[in-house]
Amino acid sequence: MRCRLVAFVAVFLLAVIAGIDGFASATAQLRSLGDLGTNDQRAPQEGQKVDVELVLAVDVSWSMDHGEQEIQREGYAAAFRSEPVQRAIMEGGYGRVAVTYIEWAGMFSQSILVPWTLIDSKASAEAFAYRLASEEPERQRRTSIASALDFIAPLFDRNGFDGRRRVVDISGDGPNNQGRMVTAARDAAVARGITINGLPLMTSGGGFGWSSIPDLDRYYTNCVIGGPSAFIIPVNDWSQFPEAVRRKLVLELAGSWPDDQANDPATVIPAQNASAADCLIGERLWQQRQQRWIEDFQ
């Protein structure tokens, strides 16, 4: 009887340890779409050559309502269904790219919606678009661009692909207000050979909330993006979003240096073309908000 009890306790402890280890190793939520019949892409081979390894990192913080988040998701899905994006993929040196799509908000809110996926044909591009449209977006609190970049940078390691370029495409409607300094996270990612491009969403129409700033494009240019040929495409109205995403993906997937055109609704701003911005503005706004809470409570 005593031997059975000891054996039971040993098995129980092993199960607990395994559970803790599994929990600790999980760095983010992975929302699987396999039960929707969409998980039919070919498993990547180790070190498969691709033109680009691209992370699409989309802001889902509370500053955007559900409708605006759907516009973002549908904009990316429509882009991968479009002929210009598909041509940019297929006309590359290898004719294939690897893409993953994550949604982010605060320090502990990063969710992998679609894991690394090989896109090398019209069919695989449209399958990727279908996966994006198959799940409802979730809203999360706070805005930590720094934590998003820190989470993203290791995703390129041992992902089964070997790209000529590693690119992060990050969109958001406000500055960093949680986590470490965004410039430190940016510099760490760039040091790993990653280029960070930005899609600042300046869509509040002048009605800026506590966490918004009027010169978000300048903030992204000075504080967020970095690496070879890094650029931003500001979005000033939600009607511009689909075209801005399409153009941005074509530039990133085709590896073309962005040409700024004044008459283009999706204006490209290379990294070196903006004046200085306060890279701690988001943190200052958050501190001011906390101070107001304290004063109101007193």
Foldseek 3Di string as FASTA:
>chain_A
DVVVVVVVVVVVVVVVVVVVVVVVPDQAAEDDPVVVVLPPADQFAAAAEAAEEEEEEEEQAPVDDQVLVVLQLLLQLVLLLDPLLQCLQCPAPVQKYWYWYWYAFALRHIYTQGAIGIDRHSVSSNSVSVSSVPDRDDYDHHHALLSVLVVPLCSVPRSNHDHPAYEYEYEDAFAHADDDQQQVSQVVSVVVRYWYEYEHEQAPQPPDDLGGDNVVLLLCLARHTDHPLHKYFYHHHSVCSSVLSNVVSSCRSNVPRDDADPPDNRGIDTSVPHDHDDSCVNNVSVVVVVVVVVVVVD
